[in-house]
PDB file of N, CA and C in Angstrom:
ATOM      1  N   MET A   1     -11.339  -3.546  11.720  1.00  0.00           N
ATOM      2  CA  MET A   1     -11.136  -4.455  10.619  1.00  0.00           C
ATOM      3  C   MET A   1     -10.092  -5.349  10.590  1.00  0.00           C
ATOM      4  N   ASP A   2     -10.216  -6.634   9.986  1.00  0.00           N
ATOM      5  CA  ASP A   2      -9.267  -7.707  10.309  1.00  0.00           C
ATOM      6  C   ASP A   2      -8.318  -7.450   9.507  1.00  0.00           C
ATOM      7  N   ASN A   3      -6.993  -7.401   9.821  1.00  0.00           N
ATOM      8  CA  ASN A   3      -5.620  -7.080   9.025  1.00  0.00           C
ATOM      9  C   ASN A   3      -5.605  -8.246   7.690  1.00  0.00           C
ATOM     10  N   LYS A   4      -5.913  -9.196   7.956  1.00  0.00           N
ATOM     11  CA  LYS A   4      -5.916 -10.077   6.330  1.00  0.00           C
ATOM     12  C   LYS A   4      -6.590  -9.734   5.581  1.00  0.00           C
ATOM     13  N   GLN A   5      -8.067  -8.923   5.868  1.00  0.00           N
ATOM     14  CA  GLN A   5      -8.958  -8.539   5.157  1.00  0.00           C
ATOM     15  C   GLN A   5      -8.618  -7.418   4.600  1.00  0.00           C
ATOM     16  N   ILE A   6      -8.072  -6.555   5.064  1.00  0.00           N
ATOM     17  CA  ILE A   6      -7.289  -5.248   4.621  1.00  0.00           C
ATOM     18  C   ILE A   6      -6.419  -5.384   3.295  1.00  0.00           C
ATOM     19  N   LEU A   7      -5.753  -6.371   3.758  1.00  0.00           N
ATOM     20  CA  LEU A   7      -4.420  -6.648   2.620  1.00  0.00           C
ATOM     21  C   LEU A   7      -5.212  -7.411   1.565  1.00  0.00           C
ATOM     22  N   LYS A   8      -6.035  -8.335   1.837  1.00  0.00           N
ATOM     23  CA  LYS A   8      -7.199  -8.799   0.700  1.00  0.00           C
ATOM     24  C   LYS A   8      -7.798  -7.852  -0.054  1.00  0.00           C
ATOM     25  N   ASP A   9      -8.033  -7.007   0.600  1.00  0.00           N
ATOM     26  CA  ASP A   9      -9.048  -6.066  -0.554  1.00  0.00           C
ATOM     27  C   ASP A   9      -8.009  -5.148  -0.819  1.00  0.00           C
ATOM     28  N   ASN A  10      -7.158  -4.612  -0.710  1.00  0.00           N
ATOM     29  CA  ASN A  10      -6.358  -3.767  -1.243  1.00  0.00           C
ATOM     30  C   ASN A  10      -5.359  -4.571  -2.445  1.00  0.00           C
ATOM     31  N   PHE A  11      -5.225  -5.998  -2.378  1.00  0.00           N
ATOM     32  CA  PHE A  11      -4.700  -6.845  -3.410  1.00  0.00           C
ATOM     33  C   PHE A  11      -5.677  -6.971  -4.168  1.00  0.00           C
ATOM     34  N   GLU A  12      -7.365  -6.823  -4.023  1.00  0.00           N
ATOM     35  CA  GLU A  12      -7.971  -7.167  -4.928  1.00  0.00           C
ATOM     36  C   GLU A  12      -8.532  -5.839  -5.345  1.00  0.00           C
ATOM     37  N   GLU A  13      -8.039  -4.513  -5.188  1.00  0.00           N
ATOM     38  CA  GLU A  13      -8.390  -3.571  -5.120  1.00  0.00           C
ATOM     39  C   GLU A  13      -9.692  -2.970  -4.926  1.00  0.00           C
ATOM     40  N   LYS A  14     -10.214  -3.667  -4.065  1.00  0.00           N
ATOM     41  CA  LYS A  14     -11.640  -3.483  -3.887  1.00  0.00           C
ATOM     42  C   LYS A  14     -11.924  -2.219  -3.265  1.00  0.00           C
ATOM     43  N   ASP A  15     -13.078  -1.625  -3.362  1.00  0.00           N
ATOM     44  CA  ASP A  15     -13.982  -0.181  -3.251  1.00  0.00           C
ATOM     45  C   ASP A  15     -13.720   0.149  -1.565  1.00  0.00           C
ATOM     46  N   GLY A  16     -12.896   1.023  -1.516  1.00  0.00           N
ATOM     47  CA  GLY A  16     -12.699   1.445  -0.066  1.00  0.00           C
ATOM     48  C   GLY A  16     -11.258   1.084   0.273  1.00  0.00           C
ATOM     49  N   SER A  17     -10.514   0.699  -0.491  1.00  0.00           N
ATOM     50  CA  SER A  17      -8.987  -0.029   0.057  1.00  0.00           C
ATOM     51  C   SER A  17      -8.224   1.200  -0.318  1.00  0.00           C
ATOM     52  N   PHE A  18      -6.984   1.564   0.131  1.00  0.00           N
ATOM     53  CA  PHE A  18      -5.832   2.527  -0.431  1.00  0.00           C
ATOM     54  C   PHE A  18      -5.643   2.242  -1.862  1.00  0.00           C
ATOM     55  N   LEU A  19      -5.420   1.020  -2.205  1.00  0.00           N
ATOM     56  CA  LEU A  19      -5.345   0.805  -3.631  1.00  0.00           C
ATOM     57  C   LEU A  19      -6.217   1.320  -4.556  1.00  0.00           C
ATOM     58  N   TYR A  20      -7.457   0.766  -3.990  1.00  0.00           N
ATOM     59  CA  TYR A  20      -8.520   1.363  -4.884  1.00  0.00           C
ATOM     60  C   TYR A  20      -8.476   2.657  -5.174  1.00  0.00           C
ATOM     61  N   PHE A  21      -8.447   3.770  -3.940  1.00  0.00           N
ATOM     62  CA  PHE A  21      -8.479   5.127  -4.458  1.00  0.00           C
ATOM     63  C   PHE A  21      -7.393   5.584  -4.935  1.00  0.00           C
ATOM     64  N   LEU A  22      -6.123   5.152  -4.865  1.00  0.00           N
ATOM     65  CA  LEU A  22      -4.990   5.600  -5.429  1.00  0.00           C
ATOM     66  C   LEU A  22      -5.097   5.164  -6.633  1.00  0.00           C
ATOM     67  N   HIS A  23      -5.080   4.024  -7.088  1.00  0.00           N
ATOM     68  CA  HIS A  23      -5.184   3.452  -8.630  1.00  0.00           C
ATOM     69  C   HIS A  23      -6.201   3.291  -9.265  1.00  0.00           C
ATOM     70  N   GLU A  24      -7.690   3.580  -9.048  1.00  0.00           N
ATOM     71  CA  GLU A  24      -8.919   3.275  -9.486  1.00  0.00           C
ATOM     72  C   GLU A  24      -9.145   5.096  -9.835  1.00  0.00           C
ATOM     73  N   LYS A  25      -9.187   5.553  -8.756  1.00  0.00           N
ATOM     74  CA  LYS A  25      -9.405   7.002  -8.344  1.00  0.00           C
ATOM     75  C   LYS A  25      -8.545   8.153  -8.370  1.00  0.00           C
ATOM     76  N   SER A  26      -7.454   7.813  -8.474  1.00  0.00           N
ATOM     77  CA  SER A  26      -6.151   8.671  -8.713  1.00  0.00           C
ATOM     78  C   SER A  26      -6.332   9.474  -7.335  1.00  0.00           C
ATOM     79  N   VAL A  27      -6.723   8.959  -6.059  1.00  0.00           N
ATOM     80  CA  VAL A  27      -6.698   9.607  -4.881  1.00  0.00           C
ATOM     81  C   VAL A  27      -5.916   9.196  -3.604  1.00  0.00           C
ATOM     82  N   PHE A  28      -5.418  10.067  -2.939  1.00  0.00           N
ATOM     83  CA  PHE A  28      -4.572   9.665  -1.971  1.00  0.00           C
ATOM     84  C   PHE A  28      -5.670   9.696  -0.753  1.00  0.00           C
ATOM     85  N   ASN A  29      -5.993   8.758  -0.498  1.00  0.00           N
ATOM     86  CA  ASN A  29      -7.086   8.634   0.795  1.00  0.00           C
ATOM     87  C   ASN A  29      -6.010   8.073   2.332  1.00  0.00           C
ATOM     88  N   LYS A  30      -6.201   8.960   2.852  1.00  0.00           N
ATOM     89  CA  LYS A  30      -4.884   9.087   4.219  1.00  0.00           C
ATOM     90  C   LYS A  30      -5.554   7.875   5.253  1.00  0.00           C
ATOM     91  N   GLU A  31      -7.079   8.298   5.182  1.00  0.00           N
ATOM     92  CA  GLU A  31      -7.541   6.774   6.358  1.00  0.00           C
ATOM     93  C   GLU A  31      -7.294   5.588   6.002  1.00  0.00           C
ATOM     94  N   SER A  32      -7.086   5.103   4.579  1.00  0.00           N
ATOM     95  CA  SER A  32      -7.126   3.820   3.914  1.00  0.00           C
ATOM     96  C   SER A  32      -5.732   3.549   3.916  1.00  0.00           C
ATOM     97  N   PHE A  33      -4.713   4.612   3.937  1.00  0.00           N
ATOM     98  CA  PHE A  33      -3.293   4.239   3.870  1.00  0.00           C
ATOM     99  C   PHE A  33      -2.572   4.154   5.051  1.00  0.00           C
ATOM    100  N   LYS A  34      -3.676   4.735   6.390  1.00  0.00           N
ATOM    101  CA  LYS A  34      -3.354   4.296   7.466  1.00  0.00           C
ATOM    102  C   LYS A  34      -3.673   2.989   7.953  1.00  0.00           C
ATOM    103  N   LEU A  35      -4.900   2.477   7.354  1.00  0.00           N
ATOM    104  CA  LEU A  35      -5.126   1.352   7.771  1.00  0.00           C
ATOM    105  C   LEU A  35      -4.174   0.179   7.182  1.00  0.00           C
ATOM    106  N   LEU A  36      -4.128   0.263   5.595  1.00  0.00           N
ATOM    107  CA  LEU A  36      -3.099  -0.396   5.381  1.00  0.00           C
ATOM    108  C   LEU A  36      -1.673  -0.490   6.060  1.00  0.00           C
ATOM    109  N   TYR A  37      -1.199   0.661   6.291  1.00  0.00           N
ATOM    110  CA  TYR A  37       0.025   0.532   6.928  1.00  0.00           C
ATOM    111  C   TYR A  37       0.065  -0.194   8.179  1.00  0.00           C
ATOM    112  N   GLU A  38      -0.820  -0.063   8.989  1.00  0.00           N
ATOM    113  CA  GLU A  38      -0.994  -0.398  10.062  1.00  0.00           C
ATOM    114  C   GLU A  38      -1.424  -2.296   9.900  1.00  0.00           C
ATOM    115  N   ALA A  39      -2.190  -2.658   8.796  1.00  0.00           N
ATOM    116  CA  ALA A  39      -2.407  -4.041   8.625  1.00  0.00           C
ATOM    117  C   ALA A  39      -1.073  -4.820   8.351  1.00  0.00           C
ATOM    118  N   ILE A  40      -0.352  -3.930   7.906  1.00  0.00           N
ATOM    119  CA  ILE A  40       0.977  -4.541   7.124  1.00  0.00           C
ATOM    120  C   ILE A  40       1.924  -4.940   8.067  1.00  0.00           C
ATOM    121  N   ARG A  41       1.967  -4.001   9.013  1.00  0.00           N
ATOM    122  CA  ARG A  41       2.758  -4.210  10.353  1.00  0.00           C
ATOM    123  C   ARG A  41       2.071  -5.298  11.304  1.00  0.00           C
ATOM    124  N   ALA A  42       0.843  -5.353  11.625  1.00  0.00           N
ATOM    125  CA  ALA A  42       0.112  -6.522  12.228  1.00  0.00           C
ATOM    126  C   ALA A  42       0.556  -7.717  11.890  1.00  0.00           C
ATOM    127  N   VAL A  43       0.148  -7.778  10.514  1.00  0.00           N
ATOM    128  CA  VAL A  43       0.329  -9.048   9.733  1.00  0.00           C
ATOM    129  C   VAL A  43       1.735  -9.626   9.806  1.00  0.00           C
ATOM    130  N   ALA A  44       3.036  -8.860   9.819  1.00  0.00           N
ATOM    131  CA  ALA A  44       4.218  -8.848   9.927  1.00  0.00           C
ATOM    132  C   ALA A  44       4.495  -9.683  11.279  1.00  0.00           C
ATOM    133  N   ASP A  45       3.689  -9.508  12.358  1.00  0.00           N
ATOM    134  CA  ASP A  45       3.984 -10.552  13.787  1.00  0.00           C
ATOM    135  C   ASP A  45       3.117 -11.488  13.853  1.00  0.00           C
ATOM    136  N   GLU A  46       2.457 -11.903  12.607  1.00  0.00           N
ATOM    137  CA  GLU A  46       1.782 -13.258  12.937  1.00  0.00           C
ATOM    138  C   GLU A  46       2.471 -14.168  12.011  1.00  0.00           C
ATOM    139  N   ASN A  47       2.124 -15.440  12.361  1.00  0.00           N
ATOM    140  CA  ASN A  47       3.299 -16.521  11.888  1.00  0.00           C
ATOM    141  C   ASN A  47       2.456 -17.575  10.879  1.00  0.00           C
ATOM    142  N   VAL A  48       1.181 -16.891  10.241  1.00  0.00           N
ATOM    143  CA  VAL A  48       0.814 -18.010   9.459  1.00  0.00           C
ATOM    144  C   VAL A  48       0.291 -17.217   8.308  1.00  0.00           C
ATOM    145  N   GLU A  49       0.150 -18.192   7.216  1.00  0.00           N
ATOM    146  CA  GLU A  49       0.307 -17.267   5.467  1.00  0.00           C
ATOM    147  C   GLU A  49       1.316 -16.732   5.275  1.00  0.00           C
ATOM    148  N   ILE A  50       2.503 -17.015   5.743  1.00  0.00           N
ATOM    149  CA  ILE A  50       3.711 -16.307   5.496  1.00  0.00           C
ATOM    150  C   ILE A  50       3.573 -15.767   3.809  1.00  0.00           C
ATOM    151  N   SER A  51       3.706 -16.596   3.170  1.00  0.00           N
ATOM    152  CA  SER A  51       4.194 -16.464   1.627  1.00  0.00           C
ATOM    153  C   SER A  51       2.680 -16.239   0.871  1.00  0.00           C
ATOM    154  N   ARG A  52       1.559 -16.111   1.581  1.00  0.00           N
ATOM    155  CA  ARG A  52       0.501 -15.483   0.847  1.00  0.00           C
ATOM    156  C   ARG A  52       0.657 -13.965   1.140  1.00  0.00           C
ATOM    157  N   ASN A  53       1.033 -13.494   2.336  1.00  0.00           N
ATOM    158  CA  ASN A  53       0.751 -12.233   2.828  1.00  0.00           C
ATOM    159  C   ASN A  53       2.009 -11.423   2.090  1.00  0.00           C
ATOM    160  N   ALA A  54       3.248 -12.544   2.156  1.00  0.00           N
ATOM    161  CA  ALA A  54       4.085 -11.666   1.158  1.00  0.00           C
ATOM    162  C   ALA A  54       4.128 -11.227   0.105  1.00  0.00           C
ATOM    163  N   GLN A  55       3.400 -12.050  -0.810  1.00  0.00           N
ATOM    164  CA  GLN A  55       3.257 -11.843  -2.156  1.00  0.00           C
ATOM    165  C   GLN A  55       2.068 -10.775  -2.048  1.00  0.00           C
ATOM    166  N   LYS A  56       0.957 -10.691  -1.528  1.00  0.00           N
ATOM    167  CA  LYS A  56      -0.167  -9.589  -1.416  1.00  0.00           C
ATOM    168  C   LYS A  56       0.729  -8.028  -0.928  1.00  0.00           C
ATOM    169  N   ILE A  57       1.463  -8.242  -0.251  1.00  0.00           N
ATOM    170  CA  ILE A  57       2.420  -7.149   0.405  1.00  0.00           C
ATOM    171  C   ILE A  57       3.188  -6.669  -0.901  1.00  0.00           C
ATOM    172  N   ALA A  58       3.922  -7.608  -1.517  1.00  0.00           N
ATOM    173  CA  ALA A  58       4.833  -7.184  -2.486  1.00  0.00           C
ATOM    174  C   ALA A  58       3.966  -6.536  -3.547  1.00  0.00           C
ATOM    175  N   PHE A  59       3.040  -6.990  -4.174  1.00  0.00           N
ATOM    176  CA  PHE A  59       1.807  -6.384  -5.186  1.00  0.00           C
ATOM    177  C   PHE A  59       1.591  -5.150  -4.606  1.00  0.00           C
ATOM    178  N   ILE A  60       1.008  -5.154  -3.649  1.00  0.00           N
ATOM    179  CA  ILE A  60       0.423  -3.914  -3.176  1.00  0.00           C
ATOM    180  C   ILE A  60       1.304  -2.759  -3.046  1.00  0.00           C
ATOM    181  N   TYR A  61       3.062  -2.957  -2.582  1.00  0.00           N
ATOM    182  CA  TYR A  61       3.998  -1.927  -2.583  1.00  0.00           C
ATOM    183  C   TYR A  61       4.180  -1.640  -3.886  1.00  0.00           C
ATOM    184  N   GLY A  62       4.320  -2.567  -4.818  1.00  0.00           N
ATOM    185  CA  GLY A  62       4.729  -2.609  -6.173  1.00  0.00           C
ATOM    186  C   GLY A  62       3.729  -1.499  -6.838  1.00  0.00           C
ATOM    187  N   THR A  63       2.471  -1.506  -6.758  1.00  0.00           N
ATOM    188  CA  THR A  63       1.308  -0.663  -7.540  1.00  0.00           C
ATOM    189  C   THR A  63       1.488   0.587  -6.957  1.00  0.00           C
ATOM    190  N   ILE A  64       1.668   0.700  -5.745  1.00  0.00           N
ATOM    191  CA  ILE A  64       1.691   2.190  -5.262  1.00  0.00           C
ATOM    192  C   ILE A  64       2.940   2.861  -5.623  1.00  0.00           C
ATOM    193  N   LEU A  65       4.129   2.086  -5.691  1.00  0.00           N
ATOM    194  CA  LEU A  65       5.298   2.762  -5.982  1.00  0.00           C
ATOM    195  C   LEU A  65       5.353   3.236  -7.598  1.00  0.00           C
ATOM    196  N   LYS A  66       4.590   2.275  -8.332  1.00  0.00           N
ATOM    197  CA  LYS A  66       4.378   2.661  -9.994  1.00  0.00           C
ATOM    198  C   LYS A  66       3.163   3.770 -10.068  1.00  0.00           C
ATOM    199  N   CYS A  67       2.343   4.017  -9.447  1.00  0.00           N
ATOM    200  CA  CYS A  67       1.120   4.960  -9.297  1.00  0.00           C
ATOM    201  C   CYS A  67       2.181   6.425  -8.912  1.00  0.00           C
ATOM    202  N   PHE A  68       2.843   6.118  -7.897  1.00  0.00           N
ATOM    203  CA  PHE A  68       3.595   7.447  -7.636  1.00  0.00           C
ATOM    204  C   PHE A  68       4.566   7.699  -9.058  1.00  0.00           C
ATOM    205  N   LEU A  69       5.183   6.954  -9.686  1.00  0.00           N
ATOM    206  CA  LEU A  69       6.127   7.570 -10.902  1.00  0.00           C
ATOM    207  C   LEU A  69       5.191   8.029 -11.761  1.00  0.00           C
ATOM    208  N   TYR A  70       4.304   6.917 -12.183  1.00  0.00           N
ATOM    209  CA  TYR A  70       3.557   7.832 -13.280  1.00  0.00           C
ATOM    210  C   TYR A  70       2.660   8.819 -12.867  1.00  0.00           C
ATOM    211  N   HIS A  71       2.530   9.133 -11.850  1.00  0.00           N
ATOM    212  CA  HIS A  71       2.190  10.528 -11.322  1.00  0.00           C
ATOM    213  C   HIS A  71       3.045  11.578 -11.813  1.00  0.00           C
ATOM    214  N   PHE A  72       4.278  11.440 -11.464  1.00  0.00           N
ATOM    215  CA  PHE A  72       5.414  12.343 -11.544  1.00  0.00           C
ATOM    216  C   PHE A  72       5.916  12.459 -13.155  1.00  0.00           C
ATOM    217  N   ASP A  73       5.325  11.415 -13.896  1.00  0.00           N
ATOM    218  CA  ASP A  73       5.710  11.135 -15.444  1.00  0.00           C
ATOM    219  C   ASP A  73       5.408  12.069 -16.425  1.00  0.00           C
ATOM    220  N   LYS A  74       5.975  12.895 -16.565  1.00  0.00           N
ATOM    221  CA  LYS A  74       5.066  14.432 -17.527  1.00  0.00           C
ATOM    222  C   LYS A  74       5.041  13.866 -18.911  1.00  0.00           C
ATOM    223  N   ASN A  75       4.983  12.504 -19.393  1.00  0.00           N
ATOM    224  CA  ASN A  75       4.343  11.895 -20.596  1.00  0.00           C
ATOM    225  C   ASN A  75       3.108  11.059 -20.158  1.00  0.00           C
ATOM    226  N   ASP A  76       2.879  10.892 -18.732  1.00  0.00           N
ATOM    227  CA  ASP A  76       1.554   9.967 -18.636  1.00  0.00           C
ATOM    228  C   ASP A  76       0.508  10.822 -18.094  1.00  0.00           C
ATOM    229  N   LYS A  77      -0.996  10.729 -18.339  1.00  0.00           N
ATOM    230  CA  LYS A  77      -1.972  11.463 -18.055  1.00  0.00           C
ATOM    231  C   LYS A  77      -2.258  11.035 -16.532  1.00  0.00           C
ATOM    232  N   TYR A  78      -1.662   9.797 -16.014  1.00  0.00           N
ATOM    233  CA  TYR A  78      -2.114   9.434 -14.729  1.00  0.00           C
ATOM    234  C   TYR A  78      -1.832  10.537 -13.770  1.00  0.00           C
ATOM    235  N   LYS A  79      -2.567  10.865 -13.124  1.00  0.00           N
ATOM    236  CA  LYS A  79      -2.253  12.091 -11.717  1.00  0.00           C
ATOM    237  C   LYS A  79      -3.105  11.647 -10.189  1.00  0.00           C
ATOM    238  N   ILE A  80      -2.641  11.788  -9.211  1.00  0.00           N
ATOM    239  CA  ILE A  80      -3.014  11.205  -8.222  1.00  0.00           C
ATOM    240  C   ILE A  80      -3.766  12.701  -7.513  1.00  0.00           C
ATOM    241  N   MET A  81      -4.975  12.678  -7.043  1.00  0.00           N
ATOM    242  CA  MET A  81      -5.817  14.081  -6.459  1.00  0.00           C
ATOM    243  C   MET A  81      -5.083  13.852  -4.956  1.00  0.00           C
ATOM    244  N   ASN A  82      -5.187  14.900  -4.499  1.00  0.00           N
ATOM    245  CA  ASN A  82      -4.997  14.708  -3.004  1.00  0.00           C
ATOM    246  C   ASN A  82      -3.623  14.186  -2.523  1.00  0.00           C
ATOM    247  N   LEU A  83      -2.888  14.203  -3.389  1.00  0.00           N
ATOM    248  CA  LEU A  83      -1.384  13.959  -3.051  1.00  0.00           C
ATOM    249  C   LEU A  83      -1.030  14.785  -2.166  1.00  0.00           C
ATOM    250  N   PRO A  84      -0.515  13.960  -0.631  1.00  0.00           N
ATOM    251  CA  PRO A  84       0.159  15.084   0.035  1.00  0.00           C
ATOM    252  C   PRO A  84       1.563  15.485  -0.233  1.00  0.00           C
ATOM    253  N   GLU A  85       2.041  17.001   0.144  1.00  0.00           N
ATOM    254  CA  GLU A  85       3.130  17.507  -0.202  1.00  0.00           C
ATOM    255  C   GLU A  85       4.469  16.959   0.294  1.00  0.00           C
ATOM    256  N   ASN A  86       3.981  15.766   1.320  1.00  0.00           N
ATOM    257  CA  ASN A  86       5.246  15.107   1.735  1.00  0.00           C
ATOM    258  C   ASN A  86       5.268  13.842   1.550  1.00  0.00           C
ATOM    259  N   TYR A  87       4.673  13.270   0.353  1.00  0.00           N
ATOM    260  CA  TYR A  87       4.688  12.194  -0.411  1.00  0.00           C
ATOM    261  C   TYR A  87       5.867  11.072  -0.091  1.00  0.00           C
ATOM    262  N   ASN A  88       7.300  12.085  -0.372  1.00  0.00           N
ATOM    263  CA  ASN A  88       8.072  11.279   0.018  1.00  0.00           C
ATOM    264  C   ASN A  88       8.380  10.415   1.552  1.00  0.00           C
ATOM    265  N   LYS A  89       7.725  11.370   2.578  1.00  0.00           N
ATOM    266  CA  LYS A  89       7.786  10.581   3.785  1.00  0.00           C
ATOM    267  C   LYS A  89       6.541   9.629   3.643  1.00  0.00           C
ATOM    268  N   ILE A  90       5.523   9.635   3.096  1.00  0.00           N
ATOM    269  CA  ILE A  90       4.901   8.671   3.088  1.00  0.00           C
ATOM    270  C   ILE A  90       5.124   7.281   2.386  1.00  0.00           C
ATOM    271  N   ILE A  91       6.102   7.416   1.049  1.00  0.00           N
ATOM    272  CA  ILE A  91       6.626   6.331   0.904  1.00  0.00           C
ATOM    273  C   ILE A  91       7.681   6.022   1.702  1.00  0.00           C
ATOM    274  N   GLU A  92       8.266   6.728   2.348  1.00  0.00           N
ATOM    275  CA  GLU A  92       9.278   6.177   3.480  1.00  0.00           C
ATOM    276  C   GLU A  92       8.583   5.346   4.682  1.00  0.00           C
ATOM    277  N   ILE A  93       7.604   5.758   4.989  1.00  0.00           N
ATOM    278  CA  ILE A  93       6.588   5.100   6.441  1.00  0.00           C
ATOM    279  C   ILE A  93       6.429   3.741   5.441  1.00  0.00           C
ATOM    280  N   LEU A  94       5.846   3.902   4.239  1.00  0.00           N
ATOM    281  CA  LEU A  94       5.234   2.480   3.561  1.00  0.00           C
ATOM    282  C   LEU A  94       6.292   1.701   3.640  1.00  0.00           C
ATOM    283  N   SER A  95       7.594   2.025   2.858  1.00  0.00           N
ATOM    284  CA  SER A  95       8.702   1.321   2.801  1.00  0.00           C
ATOM    285  C   SER A  95       9.122   0.542   4.043  1.00  0.00           C
ATOM    286  N   LYS A  96       9.197   1.523   5.021  1.00  0.00           N
ATOM    287  CA  LYS A  96       9.611   0.696   6.533  1.00  0.00           C
ATOM    288  C   LYS A  96       8.667  -0.168   6.967  1.00  0.00           C
ATOM    289  N   SER A  97       7.157  -0.345   6.833  1.00  0.00           N
ATOM    290  CA  SER A  97       6.377  -1.355   7.050  1.00  0.00           C
ATOM    291  C   SER A  97       6.444  -2.440   6.236  1.00  0.00           C
ATOM    292  N   VAL A  98       6.850  -2.430   4.768  1.00  0.00           N
ATOM    293  CA  VAL A  98       7.352  -3.433   4.431  1.00  0.00           C
ATOM    294  C   VAL A  98       8.659  -3.970   4.627  1.00  0.00           C
ATOM    295  N   GLU A  99       9.523  -3.252   4.535  1.00  0.00           N
ATOM    296  CA  GLU A  99      10.625  -3.774   5.095  1.00  0.00           C
ATOM    297  C   GLU A  99      10.255  -4.477   6.473  1.00  0.00           C
ATOM    298  N   TYR A 100       9.967  -3.917   7.318  1.00  0.00           N
ATOM    299  CA  TYR A 100       9.568  -4.697   8.801  1.00  0.00           C
ATOM    300  C   TYR A 100       9.127  -6.138   8.241  1.00  0.00           C
ATOM    301  N   TYR A 101       7.784  -6.016   7.520  1.00  0.00           N
ATOM    302  CA  TYR A 101       7.181  -7.351   7.292  1.00  0.00           C
ATOM    303  C   TYR A 101       8.331  -8.240   7.060  1.00  0.00           C
ATOM    304  N   PHE A 102       8.827  -8.226   6.006  1.00  0.00           N
ATOM    305  CA  PHE A 102       9.853  -9.169   5.450  1.00  0.00           C
ATOM    306  C   PHE A 102      11.178  -9.427   6.492  1.00  0.00           C
ATOM    307  N   THR A 103      11.628  -8.422   7.004  1.00  0.00           N
ATOM    308  CA  THR A 103      13.116  -8.672   8.059  1.00  0.00           C
ATOM    309  C   THR A 103      12.581  -9.225   9.220  1.00  0.00           C
ATOM    310  N   THR A 104      11.371  -9.340  10.118  1.00  0.00           N
ATOM    311  CA  THR A 104      10.653  -9.927  10.845  1.00  0.00           C
ATOM    312  C   THR A 104      10.761 -11.531  10.645  1.00  0.00           C
ATOM    313  N   ARG A 105      10.812 -11.876   9.342  1.00  0.00           N
ATOM    314  CA  ARG A 105      10.539 -13.403   8.983  1.00  0.00           C
ATOM    315  C   ARG A 105      11.903 -14.190   8.616  1.00  0.00           C
ATOM    316  N   ILE A 106      13.335 -13.142   8.887  1.00  0.00           N
ATOM    317  CA  ILE A 106      14.349 -13.995   8.826  1.00  0.00           C
ATOM    318  C   ILE A 106      14.835 -14.573   9.937  1.00  0.00           C
TER     319      ILE A 106
END
C-alpha cells in the first residue's frame, strides 16, 4: 500500500486504518499500527508535500495519545480492547517515528 495513502486513511480514520480501529472501534490492531509506523518513517524520507504530511502526522499522533489517555482515565468510559501490555513501548516506538519525521526536515 502507498505510504501517503496510509497516512491519508489514518487522517480520515478510514475503515481498516490504525486510527479507525483505535478511535472508532477501541481496538489496538497490530498490523495497522505497523503499517502506520512504517508509512511515517517512509514519508519522512520523501521531499514532497512536507507541510501536508506534517499536519497529518501531528493529527494522527495527537489522536492516538488522546485515546491512550482516555483509556486510562477512570472517569471516561472509553476503553481500548486488545491494548498490548507493553503499551508504553508502543507509544515510544510511535514517538520515535514522529520525531524522526520532524527531525529529518531540519
